[in-house]
Amino acid sequence: MYIERVPNRNSPPAVLLRESYRQDGKVKKRTLANLSKWPDHLVEGLRTLLKGGVALPSLDAAFEIVRAKPHGHVAAVLGALKRLGLERLLDRTPSQQRALTVAMIAARIIEPRSKLATARGFAGETANHTLAEELGVEDASADDLYEAMDWLLSRQRKIERGLARRHLENGALVLCDLTAVYLEGLKCKLAAHGYSRDQKKGKLQVVALLCNRDGCPVAVEVFEGNTADPAALSSQLHKLRDRFSLDRIVIVKDRGLITNALIEKDLEPAGLAWISALRAPRVRTLAEQGHLQLSLFDQRDMAEISVPELYPSERLIVCRNPLLAAERRRKRLELLDRTDRLLEAVEKATRRQKRPLRGSEKIAVRADRALQKYKVAKHYDIEIADDRFRFSRNQERIDNEAALDGLSVIRTNVPVDDLPAEKAVRSCKSLSRVERAFRSLESVDLKERPVHQRLADRVRAHVLLCTLAYYVEWHMRRQLAPILFDDDQKTENTGSPVQPARKSAAARIKANSGRTHDGLPVHNFQTLLDDLATLTRNRVRMPDSGAETANVLARPTPLQERALSLLGVRA
């Protein structure tokens, strides 16, 4: 038996229950009932029964969703991590410690939280996502995670050697920079007062990060908060030479990290090449002594000079960026205007009729507070007496500083035949990739700080864990670049390396339209993970199946399919 709809020319179609049979070798059919007045849902229910199915009174009775967990972002991160071979890099033998470490690395990308909150998010039916279920760590406690961190720290040298073999080679550029990650609490041995790069008052620690020329993290080290920058750099040099067995590399460091003492003590004896930049006072000294002539930049933005009496066996490459010069000039004038208003308030306080400001010490305190707020005290001349206060801008000092706006001096010992001036400038500018790594580690994505660990080794393990998470994220960003706001068609700037890098036409179109070339919405990395999280894995129970359940994955959207395809993983 079957149901057939027979069209009528001027009337609704007839719905007939029919039966087919064979007579005299021919197939014939006859009508058993007219179902034209039946509601559509009854007709479809009968059709299902006739095909051997089960007709249910409502959709709710078809199945019951017992639990729905976000899964798409877990599949993306775990798939990328495994394709990178990070599991085998941690340890070739599967173990509970390795699974917990992988879970913490993935959780740091998906939802960075404290170890206690992470353990709670793994727990059974209350889990926030499918990560713990995928790795079989649903029963992990916070103490289990801390033990896994200790296990991870014990393998740091092996892991970093593996990363160095993958991403460093003799003669390669190695980017190195420092950051400060502040601590909460008072009991950690690493905590010590030192220079605060984050302008955070309190106790700090220093973190040194090594990357290859593309910004891929290779090694990380944590120092005490009062460790001087050159000392931290010296430790990294020994790591590159001794632990990674690299004897021909070019170290790229930020200005101020490479000192003359470090060059004489570590760099020259090891025969290491390096690229850095001079700090502003040294650039000013070169200008005052006549080594740096501003006329060099009348028709070009880069020139190479030699100053053997100050920098023997070194090359100095002077660059002038007019856009940066204009921005610094604007900012200086803005800060001077703000300081003028503060100083005018002090001056008015000495001339007011009621309760005027009196006493040279009190006036000096108020004036110093105003001068130090915007760090432009050097540009003012002040006169203080017991009953008056006068100030004026020192235009000569302002003009002398403005003459150096936009100037930077690259310093290197690499011969010109091995590294032309243009490549030296580009190499120094590549340090921005390490700064991007620090931003992602510290606040934007992985939220490495503030650190709440009390034991020094746990702090080191936490920083290593975040670095490995950024290693996975760095590769994911490169693969997902076509659907992110990142520039996936960036090419080497063929113009002057001094000028700011320009986005490709495709990146500008993505930024302006918010759509990819195939019409998909463009995301940043975090919002894409949020979108992938809407791809859920549902535990469903069929009627009359008792306690038996089955996992059913939601249908992915075109964007989710594209993201998983770019990563080369399956949900």
Protein backbone atom coordinates (compact mmCIF):
# COMPACT_ATOMS: atom_id res chain seq x y z
CA MET A 1 0.00 0.00 0.00
CA TYR A 2 1.06 3.56 -0.62
CA ILE A 3 -0.30 7.10 -0.69
CA GLU A 4 -0.61 8.96 -3.97
CA ARG A 5 -1.51 12.58 -4.66
CA VAL A 6 -3.59 12.94 -7.85
CA PRO A 7 -3.71 16.50 -9.24
CA ASN A 8 -7.07 18.02 -10.20
CA ARG A 9 -7.25 20.81 -12.75
CA ASN A 10 -9.52 23.21 -10.81
CA SER A 11 -9.56 21.57 -7.37
CA PRO A 12 -7.05 20.61 -4.67
CA PRO A 13 -5.22 17.34 -5.38
CA ALA A 14 -6.87 14.13 -4.29
CA VAL A 15 -5.00 12.13 -1.64
CA LEU A 16 -5.67 8.42 -2.16
CA LEU A 17 -4.65 5.31 -0.28
CA ARG A 18 -3.90 2.76 -2.97
CA GLU A 19 -2.73 -0.81 -3.31
CA SER A 20 -0.76 -2.34 -6.14
CA TYR A 21 -1.29 -5.94 -7.25
CA ARG A 22 -0.38 -8.19 -10.15
CA GLN A 23 -3.00 -9.74 -12.47
CA ASP A 24 -2.32 -11.76 -15.64
CA GLY A 25 1.30 -10.72 -15.49
CA LYS A 26 0.49 -7.03 -15.29
CA VAL A 27 0.87 -4.59 -12.38
CA LYS A 28 -2.38 -2.89 -11.50
CA LYS A 29 -3.57 -0.61 -8.68
CA ARG A 30 -6.81 0.05 -6.89
CA THR A 31 -7.99 2.75 -4.49
CA LEU A 32 -8.69 1.64 -0.95
CA ALA A 33 -9.63 5.00 0.60
CA ASN A 34 -9.88 8.70 -0.15
CA LEU A 35 -7.78 10.64 2.35
CA SER A 36 -8.29 14.08 0.82
CA LYS A 37 -10.02 15.43 3.94
CA TRP A 38 -7.29 14.24 6.31
CA PRO A 39 -4.91 16.83 7.82
CA ASP A 40 -1.44 16.81 6.31
CA HIS A 41 0.28 15.58 9.49
CA LEU A 42 -1.98 12.50 9.60
CA VAL A 43 -1.31 11.77 5.95
CA GLU A 44 2.44 12.02 6.49
CA GLY A 45 2.20 9.85 9.62
CA LEU A 46 0.41 7.14 7.66
CA ARG A 47 2.96 7.46 4.87
CA THR A 48 5.73 6.86 7.44
CA LEU A 49 3.94 3.78 8.79
CA LEU A 50 3.49 2.34 5.33
CA LYS A 51 7.26 2.69 4.71
CA GLY A 52 8.05 0.74 7.88
CA GLY A 53 8.78 3.71 10.11
CA VAL A 54 7.31 4.80 13.44
CA ALA A 55 4.85 7.68 13.54
CA LEU A 56 5.08 9.85 16.66
CA PRO A 57 2.46 12.21 18.02
CA SER A 58 4.88 15.22 18.11
CA LEU A 59 8.49 16.24 17.40
CA ASP A 60 9.25 16.26 21.13
CA ALA A 61 8.43 12.56 21.23
CA ALA A 62 10.86 11.83 18.39
CA PHE A 63 13.93 12.27 20.63
CA GLU A 64 15.07 14.06 23.75
CA ILE A 65 18.24 16.16 23.94
CA VAL A 66 19.77 15.15 27.25
CA ARG A 67 22.80 17.48 27.11
CA ALA A 68 24.25 19.92 24.58
CA LYS A 69 27.91 20.97 24.88
CA PRO A 70 29.90 23.47 22.77
CA HIS A 71 32.25 21.42 20.62
CA GLY A 72 33.35 23.22 17.43
CA HIS A 73 36.08 25.33 19.06
CA VAL A 74 37.37 22.26 20.93
CA ALA A 75 37.60 20.30 17.68
CA ALA A 76 39.43 23.18 16.00
CA VAL A 77 42.02 23.71 18.75
CA LEU A 78 42.64 20.03 19.49
CA GLY A 79 42.82 19.21 15.79
CA ALA A 80 45.36 21.96 15.17
CA LEU A 81 47.39 20.94 18.22
CA LYS A 82 47.59 17.31 17.10
CA ARG A 83 48.42 18.20 13.49
CA LEU A 84 51.35 20.25 14.83
CA GLY A 85 52.65 17.15 16.61
CA LEU A 86 52.68 18.96 19.93
CA GLU A 87 51.45 15.87 21.78
CA ARG A 88 54.46 13.85 20.64
CA LEU A 89 56.73 16.80 21.39
CA LEU A 90 55.52 16.77 25.00
CA ASP A 91 56.03 13.01 25.27
CA ARG A 92 55.94 10.18 22.77
CA THR A 93 54.15 7.88 25.21
CA PRO A 94 50.46 8.60 25.92
CA SER A 95 49.85 9.20 29.63
CA GLN A 96 47.45 10.93 31.97
CA GLN A 97 50.01 13.70 32.55
CA ARG A 98 50.30 14.34 28.83
CA ALA A 99 46.51 14.39 28.42
CA LEU A 100 46.13 16.87 31.28
CA THR A 101 48.85 19.11 29.83
CA VAL A 102 47.21 19.06 26.39
CA ALA A 103 43.90 19.86 28.05
CA MET A 104 45.39 22.87 29.87
CA ILE A 105 47.04 24.16 26.68
CA ALA A 106 43.77 23.91 24.74
CA ALA A 107 41.76 25.36 27.62
CA ARG A 108 44.10 28.37 27.75
CA ILE A 109 43.15 29.15 24.13
CA ILE A 110 39.45 28.32 24.45
CA GLU A 111 38.69 29.85 27.84
CA PRO A 112 41.67 31.12 29.86
CA ARG A 113 40.91 30.79 33.57
CA SER A 114 42.59 29.78 36.81
CA LYS A 115 43.59 26.16 37.29
CA LEU A 116 40.82 25.66 39.87
CA ALA A 117 38.19 27.07 37.49
CA THR A 118 39.65 24.99 34.64
CA ALA A 119 39.32 21.80 36.70
CA ARG A 120 35.72 22.66 37.56
CA GLY A 121 35.03 23.23 33.86
CA PHE A 122 36.26 19.70 33.12
CA ALA A 123 33.95 17.98 35.60
CA GLY A 124 31.47 15.50 34.08
CA GLU A 125 27.96 16.79 33.41
CA THR A 126 28.85 20.34 34.50
CA ALA A 127 31.62 20.64 31.88
CA ASN A 128 31.59 23.86 29.86
CA HIS A 129 32.58 22.09 26.61
CA THR A 130 33.68 18.73 25.26
CA LEU A 131 37.42 19.18 25.85
CA ALA A 132 37.69 16.97 28.95
CA GLU A 133 35.48 14.33 27.34
CA GLU A 134 37.66 14.27 24.22
CA LEU A 135 40.84 13.75 26.26
CA GLY A 136 39.38 11.55 29.00
CA VAL A 137 40.19 13.90 31.87
CA GLU A 138 36.66 14.53 33.22
CA ASP A 139 37.66 13.52 36.74
CA ALA A 140 40.75 15.74 36.96
CA SER A 141 41.08 17.90 40.08
CA ALA A 142 43.03 21.11 40.55
CA ASP A 143 45.78 19.11 42.29
CA ASP A 144 46.00 16.84 39.22
CA LEU A 145 46.51 19.91 37.04
CA TYR A 146 49.25 21.23 39.32
CA GLU A 147 51.03 17.87 39.17
CA ALA A 148 50.79 17.96 35.38
CA MET A 149 52.34 21.46 35.43
CA ASP A 150 55.28 20.09 37.43
CA TRP A 151 55.60 17.27 34.87
CA LEU A 152 55.56 19.82 32.03
CA LEU A 153 58.25 21.99 33.62
CA SER A 154 60.54 18.99 33.99
CA ARG A 155 60.35 18.54 30.20
CA GLN A 156 60.90 22.19 29.23
CA ARG A 157 64.43 21.70 27.92
CA LYS A 158 63.36 18.77 25.71
CA ILE A 159 60.34 20.67 24.39
CA GLU A 160 62.37 23.79 23.56
CA ARG A 161 65.05 21.75 21.80
CA GLY A 162 62.32 20.20 19.68
CA LEU A 163 60.88 23.61 18.81
CA ALA A 164 64.36 24.96 18.00
CA ARG A 165 64.99 22.04 15.61
CA ARG A 166 61.73 22.85 13.87
CA HIS A 167 62.02 26.61 13.58
CA LEU A 168 65.69 27.66 13.99
CA GLU A 169 68.76 26.91 11.95
CA ASN A 170 72.30 28.17 11.72
CA GLY A 171 72.42 31.64 10.22
CA ALA A 172 68.78 32.36 11.06
CA LEU A 173 67.41 35.53 12.63
CA VAL A 174 66.34 35.06 16.25
CA LEU A 175 64.03 37.66 17.80
CA CYS A 176 64.34 38.20 21.54
CA ASP A 177 62.53 40.60 23.84
CA LEU A 178 61.54 41.00 27.47
CA THR A 179 58.30 41.75 29.23
CA ALA A 180 57.17 42.10 32.83
CA VAL A 181 54.34 39.95 34.15
CA TYR A 182 53.13 41.15 37.51
CA LEU A 183 52.34 38.83 40.40
CA GLU A 184 49.53 38.79 42.90
CA GLY A 185 50.52 38.00 46.48
CA LEU A 186 53.76 38.37 48.39
CA LYS A 187 55.15 34.85 48.86
CA CYS A 188 56.61 33.96 45.48
CA LYS A 189 60.42 33.93 45.48
CA LEU A 190 60.51 35.41 41.97
CA ALA A 191 58.69 38.53 43.13
CA ALA A 192 61.01 41.53 43.45
CA HIS A 193 60.78 45.23 42.77
CA GLY A 194 62.22 46.21 39.43
CA TYR A 195 61.55 48.29 36.34
CA SER A 196 57.83 48.10 35.55
CA ARG A 197 57.23 47.89 31.82
CA ASP A 198 53.49 47.79 32.47
CA GLN A 199 53.53 50.79 34.83
CA LYS A 200 52.15 48.52 37.53
CA LYS A 201 53.13 49.26 41.08
CA GLY A 202 54.11 46.25 43.16
CA LYS A 203 56.18 43.15 42.65
CA LEU A 204 57.10 41.91 39.23
CA GLN A 205 58.93 39.22 37.37
CA VAL A 206 60.67 39.37 34.03
CA VAL A 207 59.91 37.02 31.13
CA ALA A 208 62.23 36.56 28.14
CA LEU A 209 60.78 35.16 24.92
CA LEU A 210 62.69 33.81 21.91
CA CYS A 211 60.99 33.67 18.50
CA ASN A 212 62.08 32.94 14.97
CA ARG A 213 61.99 35.71 12.38
CA ASP A 214 58.28 35.13 11.71
CA GLY A 215 57.33 35.51 15.37
CA CYS A 216 56.81 31.81 16.12
CA PRO A 217 57.71 31.21 19.81
CA VAL A 218 60.60 28.82 20.41
CA ALA A 219 61.68 29.27 24.05
CA VAL A 220 60.74 31.22 27.16
CA GLU A 221 62.41 31.89 30.48
CA VAL A 222 61.28 33.54 33.71
CA PHE A 223 63.64 35.68 35.80
CA GLU A 224 63.35 37.41 39.15
CA GLY A 225 61.69 40.80 39.06
CA ASN A 226 64.89 42.74 39.76
CA THR A 227 66.95 41.03 37.02
CA ALA A 228 68.65 43.57 34.77
CA ASP A 229 67.81 43.37 31.08
CA PRO A 230 71.39 42.61 29.92
CA ALA A 231 71.62 39.74 32.42
CA ALA A 232 68.40 38.22 31.07
CA LEU A 233 69.70 38.62 27.53
CA SER A 234 72.99 36.97 28.43
CA SER A 235 71.07 33.92 29.68
CA GLN A 236 69.22 33.68 26.37
CA LEU A 237 72.47 33.82 24.42
CA HIS A 238 73.85 30.87 26.37
CA LYS A 239 70.61 28.98 25.70
CA LEU A 240 70.94 29.53 21.95
CA ARG A 241 74.59 28.57 21.85
CA ASP A 242 74.79 25.71 24.34
CA ARG A 243 71.35 24.15 24.59
CA PHE A 244 70.31 24.55 20.95
CA SER A 245 73.83 24.05 19.50
CA LEU A 246 73.53 27.10 17.23
CA ASP A 247 76.80 28.89 16.50
CA ARG A 248 75.76 31.05 13.52
CA ILE A 249 72.71 33.15 14.33
CA VAL A 250 71.76 36.80 14.22
CA ILE A 251 70.21 38.10 17.44
CA VAL A 252 67.64 40.86 16.97
CA LYS A 253 67.09 42.83 20.18
CA ASP A 254 65.17 45.92 21.17
CA ARG A 255 67.04 49.13 21.89
CA GLY A 256 68.76 49.23 25.25
CA LEU A 257 69.12 45.47 25.65
CA ILE A 258 72.50 45.20 23.92
CA THR A 259 75.07 47.12 25.94
CA ASN A 260 78.79 47.56 25.39
CA ALA A 261 79.49 45.34 28.39
CA LEU A 262 77.28 42.59 26.96
CA ILE A 263 79.01 42.86 23.59
CA GLU A 264 82.47 42.53 25.18
CA LYS A 265 81.49 39.79 27.64
CA ASP A 266 79.13 37.54 25.66
CA LEU A 267 78.59 38.47 22.02
CA GLU A 268 82.15 38.98 20.78
CA PRO A 269 83.69 35.93 22.55
CA ALA A 270 80.91 33.74 21.14
CA GLY A 271 81.26 35.23 17.67
CA LEU A 272 77.53 36.01 17.55
CA ALA A 273 76.03 38.51 15.13
CA TRP A 274 73.38 40.94 16.35
CA ILE A 275 71.06 43.76 15.32
CA SER A 276 69.71 46.39 17.68
CA ALA A 277 68.91 50.10 17.83
CA LEU A 278 70.39 53.02 19.73
CA ARG A 279 68.41 54.68 22.49
CA ALA A 280 67.42 58.34 22.15
CA PRO A 281 70.26 59.81 24.29
CA ARG A 282 72.87 58.08 22.13
CA VAL A 283 71.20 59.30 18.95
CA ARG A 284 71.27 62.81 20.42
CA THR A 285 74.99 62.42 21.20
CA LEU A 286 75.70 61.46 17.59
CA ALA A 287 73.86 64.56 16.40
CA GLU A 288 75.62 66.87 18.87
CA GLN A 289 79.04 65.55 17.88
CA GLY A 290 78.31 66.09 14.20
CA HIS A 291 78.29 62.43 13.16
CA LEU A 292 74.62 62.57 12.20
CA GLN A 293 73.92 65.24 9.60
CA LEU A 294 70.24 66.00 8.99
CA SER A 295 71.10 67.04 5.43
CA LEU A 296 71.57 63.34 4.70
CA PHE A 297 67.78 63.00 4.55
CA ASP A 298 66.92 65.81 2.15
CA GLN A 299 66.20 63.34 -0.65
CA ARG A 300 66.28 59.93 1.04
CA ASP A 301 65.07 58.33 4.25
CA MET A 302 67.99 56.02 5.05
CA ALA A 303 71.76 56.41 5.21
CA GLU A 304 74.65 54.34 6.58
CA ILE A 305 77.36 56.02 8.66
CA SER A 306 80.50 54.87 10.46
CA VAL A 307 81.66 56.16 13.86
CA PRO A 308 84.74 54.02 14.70
CA GLU A 309 85.70 56.03 17.78
CA LEU A 310 82.36 55.23 19.45
CA TYR A 311 81.25 52.03 17.69
CA PRO A 312 84.28 50.17 16.33
CA SER A 313 83.64 47.30 13.92
CA GLU A 314 79.95 48.23 13.78
CA ARG A 315 77.61 49.66 11.19
CA LEU A 316 75.11 52.41 11.97
CA ILE A 317 72.09 52.74 9.69
CA VAL A 318 70.20 56.00 10.24
CA CYS A 319 66.52 56.10 9.23
CA ARG A 320 64.09 58.99 9.13
CA ASN A 321 60.34 58.33 9.03
CA PRO A 322 58.44 61.56 8.22
CA LEU A 323 55.11 60.12 9.38
CA LEU A 324 56.59 59.18 12.75
CA ALA A 325 58.21 62.62 12.97
CA ALA A 326 54.85 64.33 12.44
CA GLU A 327 53.18 62.14 15.06
CA ARG A 328 55.87 62.82 17.66
CA ARG A 329 55.65 66.54 16.99
CA ARG A 330 51.88 66.46 17.45
CA LYS A 331 52.12 64.48 20.65
CA ARG A 332 54.82 66.74 22.10
CA LEU A 333 52.76 69.87 21.48
CA GLU A 334 49.71 68.22 23.03
CA LEU A 335 51.65 67.28 26.17
CA LEU A 336 53.15 70.74 26.41
CA ASP A 337 49.70 72.33 26.16
CA ARG A 338 48.37 70.09 28.92
CA THR A 339 51.36 70.87 31.13
CA ASP A 340 50.88 74.59 30.48
CA ARG A 341 47.37 74.38 31.90
CA LEU A 342 48.61 72.59 35.02
CA LEU A 343 51.37 75.14 35.58
CA GLU A 344 48.98 78.04 35.00
CA ALA A 345 46.83 76.63 37.81
CA VAL A 346 49.88 76.71 40.13
CA GLU A 347 50.65 80.27 39.09
CA LYS A 348 47.06 81.38 39.72
CA ALA A 349 47.18 79.73 43.14
CA THR A 350 50.07 82.04 44.13
CA ARG A 351 48.13 85.16 43.00
CA ARG A 352 44.65 84.45 44.37
CA GLN A 353 43.22 86.73 47.04
CA LYS A 354 42.00 84.10 49.48
CA ARG A 355 44.48 81.65 50.95
CA PRO A 356 47.19 82.10 48.28
CA LEU A 357 49.82 79.39 47.83
CA ARG A 358 52.88 80.50 49.79
CA GLY A 359 56.30 79.07 50.56
CA SER A 360 58.90 78.04 48.01
CA GLU A 361 58.82 74.40 49.15
CA LYS A 362 55.04 74.07 48.80
CA ILE A 363 55.09 75.82 45.42
CA ALA A 364 57.95 73.55 44.26
CA VAL A 365 56.00 70.43 45.23
CA ARG A 366 52.91 71.54 43.26
CA ALA A 367 55.02 72.58 40.27
CA ASP A 368 57.00 69.33 40.24
CA ARG A 369 53.78 67.31 40.32
CA ALA A 370 52.54 69.22 37.26
CA LEU A 371 55.85 68.91 35.40
CA GLN A 372 56.22 65.19 36.01
CA LYS A 373 52.69 64.20 35.02
CA TYR A 374 53.39 64.27 31.27
CA LYS A 375 57.19 63.80 31.45
CA VAL A 376 58.11 67.09 29.74
CA ALA A 377 59.88 68.89 32.62
CA LYS A 378 63.07 69.23 30.53
CA HIS A 379 61.30 71.66 28.19
CA TYR A 380 60.50 74.26 30.88
CA ASP A 381 62.34 77.00 32.75
CA ILE A 382 60.77 77.81 36.10
CA GLU A 383 61.27 80.49 38.75
CA ILE A 384 60.10 79.88 42.31
CA ALA A 385 60.05 82.27 45.26
CA ASP A 386 58.10 82.33 48.53
CA ASP A 387 55.29 84.37 47.00
CA ARG A 388 55.45 83.80 43.26
CA PHE A 389 55.85 81.23 40.51
CA ARG A 390 56.82 81.80 36.89
CA PHE A 391 57.33 79.35 34.04
CA SER A 392 58.17 79.44 30.34
CA ARG A 393 58.92 76.98 27.61
CA ASN A 394 62.54 76.56 26.60
CA GLN A 395 62.07 76.74 22.86
CA GLU A 396 65.72 75.95 22.10
CA ARG A 397 65.54 72.59 23.87
CA ILE A 398 62.20 71.87 22.21
CA ASP A 399 63.64 72.63 18.77
CA ASN A 400 66.73 70.51 19.42
CA GLU A 401 64.59 67.52 20.33
CA ALA A 402 62.19 68.13 17.44
CA ALA A 403 65.11 68.04 15.00
CA LEU A 404 65.57 64.35 15.87
CA ASP A 405 61.90 63.43 15.50
CA GLY A 406 61.42 60.36 13.33
CA LEU A 407 65.10 59.42 13.48
CA SER A 408 66.23 55.96 14.51
CA VAL A 409 69.66 54.37 14.33
CA ILE A 410 70.07 50.65 13.67
CA ARG A 411 73.25 49.17 15.11
CA THR A 412 74.74 45.89 13.89
CA ASN A 413 78.03 44.02 13.51
CA VAL A 414 76.86 41.97 10.50
CA PRO A 415 78.96 42.78 7.40
CA VAL A 416 77.20 44.64 4.63
CA ASP A 417 77.82 41.77 2.18
CA ASP A 418 75.83 39.43 4.44
CA LEU A 419 73.15 41.91 5.43
CA PRO A 420 72.46 45.00 3.30
CA ALA A 421 71.08 48.06 5.04
CA GLU A 422 67.53 47.46 3.81
CA LYS A 423 67.44 43.94 5.28
CA ALA A 424 68.91 45.15 8.56
CA VAL A 425 66.11 47.70 8.94
CA ARG A 426 63.44 45.13 8.09
CA SER A 427 64.97 42.68 10.57
CA CYS A 428 64.87 45.24 13.36
CA LYS A 429 61.27 46.13 12.57
CA SER A 430 60.37 42.44 12.79
CA LEU A 431 60.62 42.76 16.59
CA SER A 432 57.01 43.96 16.41
CA ARG A 433 56.10 40.28 15.96
CA VAL A 434 57.47 39.50 19.43
CA GLU A 435 55.56 42.46 20.85
CA ARG A 436 52.43 41.04 19.19
CA ALA A 437 53.16 37.72 20.89
CA PHE A 438 53.43 39.45 24.27
CA ARG A 439 50.12 41.26 23.72
CA SER A 440 48.40 37.99 22.89
CA LEU A 441 50.02 36.19 25.82
CA GLU A 442 49.42 38.83 28.44
CA SER A 443 46.03 40.35 27.82
CA VAL A 444 44.33 39.89 24.46
CA ASP A 445 43.84 36.12 24.10
CA LEU A 446 45.62 33.97 26.65
CA LYS A 447 45.51 36.30 29.70
CA GLU A 448 48.82 35.14 31.13
CA ARG A 449 48.80 37.90 33.77
CA PRO A 450 48.35 38.56 36.59
CA VAL A 451 49.94 35.40 37.93
CA HIS A 452 48.40 33.96 41.09
CA GLN A 453 50.88 31.11 41.63
CA ARG A 454 52.85 31.06 44.88
CA LEU A 455 55.68 28.63 44.02
CA ALA A 456 58.44 29.78 41.67
CA ASP A 457 58.37 26.57 39.59
CA ARG A 458 54.60 26.82 39.22
CA VAL A 459 55.04 30.36 37.85
CA ARG A 460 57.57 29.03 35.35
CA ALA A 461 55.24 26.19 34.39
CA HIS A 462 52.33 28.61 33.96
CA VAL A 463 54.39 30.83 31.61
CA LEU A 464 55.56 27.79 29.62
CA LEU A 465 51.97 26.57 29.36
CA CYS A 466 50.85 29.95 28.00
CA THR A 467 53.77 30.01 25.54
CA LEU A 468 52.82 26.59 24.15
CA ALA A 469 49.22 27.78 23.86
CA TYR A 470 50.42 30.78 21.87
CA TYR A 471 52.48 28.40 19.69
CA VAL A 472 49.25 26.61 18.73
CA GLU A 473 47.36 29.88 18.30
CA TRP A 474 50.13 31.34 16.12
CA HIS A 475 49.83 28.45 13.67
CA MET A 476 46.02 28.55 13.78
CA ARG A 477 46.03 32.25 12.92
CA ARG A 478 48.17 31.64 9.86
CA GLN A 479 45.85 28.87 8.65
CA LEU A 480 42.65 30.82 9.41
CA ALA A 481 43.95 34.11 7.97
CA PRO A 482 41.60 34.04 4.91
CA ILE A 483 38.54 34.40 7.20
CA LEU A 484 40.20 36.64 9.81
CA PHE A 485 40.94 40.34 9.61
CA ASP A 486 44.62 39.32 9.38
CA ASP A 487 46.37 40.08 6.11
CA ASP A 488 46.67 36.68 4.41
CA GLN A 489 48.16 38.10 1.21
CA LYS A 490 50.90 40.21 2.77
CA THR A 491 54.00 40.44 0.62
CA GLU A 492 57.46 41.83 1.32
CA ASN A 493 57.46 45.61 1.04
CA THR A 494 59.41 46.38 -2.14
CA GLY A 495 59.67 50.09 -1.30
CA SER A 496 61.72 51.73 1.41
CA PRO A 497 61.85 49.59 4.57
CA VAL A 498 61.62 52.78 6.64
CA GLN A 499 58.06 53.45 5.52
CA PRO A 500 55.17 51.80 7.39
CA ALA A 501 54.06 48.45 6.01
CA ARG A 502 50.90 48.61 3.94
CA LYS A 503 48.02 46.18 3.97
CA SER A 504 47.28 44.25 0.83
CA ALA A 505 44.24 45.19 -1.25
CA ALA A 506 42.46 42.01 -0.13
CA ALA A 507 42.97 42.89 3.54
CA ARG A 508 41.57 46.39 3.00
CA ILE A 509 38.51 44.95 1.25
CA LYS A 510 37.94 42.51 4.13
CA ALA A 511 38.28 45.31 6.68
CA ASN A 512 35.91 47.66 4.85
CA SER A 513 33.22 45.15 3.88
CA GLY A 514 33.44 42.73 6.79
CA ARG A 515 33.15 39.89 4.26
CA THR A 516 35.54 37.49 2.60
CA HIS A 517 35.74 37.16 -1.17
CA ASP A 518 33.23 34.29 -1.01
CA GLY A 519 30.75 36.23 1.14
CA LEU A 520 31.51 34.78 4.58
CA PRO A 521 31.65 37.13 7.59
CA VAL A 522 35.15 38.14 8.70
CA HIS A 523 36.14 37.56 12.34
CA ASN A 524 39.00 38.15 14.69
CA PHE A 525 40.48 35.07 16.32
CA GLN A 526 38.41 35.15 19.51
CA THR A 527 35.06 35.85 17.85
CA LEU A 528 35.73 33.01 15.40
CA LEU A 529 36.27 30.65 18.34
CA ASP A 530 33.00 31.92 19.83
CA ASP A 531 31.23 31.19 16.56
CA LEU A 532 32.74 27.70 16.39
CA ALA A 533 31.53 27.08 19.96
CA THR A 534 27.93 27.25 18.70
CA LEU A 535 28.60 23.98 16.85
CA THR A 536 27.37 21.69 19.63
CA ARG A 537 27.59 17.99 20.27
CA ASN A 538 24.22 16.80 21.57
CA ARG A 539 23.54 13.71 23.62
CA VAL A 540 20.08 12.49 22.56
CA ARG A 541 17.80 9.71 23.80
CA MET A 542 15.28 7.99 21.55
CA PRO A 543 11.84 6.87 22.84
CA ASP A 544 11.66 3.38 24.30
CA SER A 545 15.47 3.17 24.44
CA GLY A 546 15.72 3.29 28.20
CA ALA A 547 18.91 4.98 29.39
CA GLU A 548 20.77 4.52 26.10
CA THR A 549 21.89 7.74 24.42
CA ALA A 550 23.74 8.72 21.24
CA ASN A 551 25.89 11.72 20.32
CA VAL A 552 24.62 13.85 17.43
CA LEU A 553 26.63 16.76 16.08
CA ALA A 554 24.77 19.89 15.02
CA ARG A 555 24.96 20.77 11.34
CA PRO A 556 27.90 23.21 10.84
CA THR A 557 27.31 26.56 9.15
CA PRO A 558 29.23 27.43 5.96
CA LEU A 559 31.62 29.58 8.03
CA GLN A 560 32.27 26.74 10.47
CA GLU A 561 32.84 24.29 7.61
CA ARG A 562 35.31 26.74 6.06
CA ALA A 563 37.21 27.24 9.33
CA LEU A 564 37.53 23.52 10.01
CA SER A 565 38.56 22.92 6.41
CA LEU A 566 41.33 25.55 6.64
CA LEU A 567 42.62 23.86 9.80
CA GLY A 568 42.41 20.44 8.16
CA VAL A 569 40.35 18.95 11.01
CA ARG A 570 36.97 17.29 11.33
CA ALA A 571 34.42 18.05 14.03
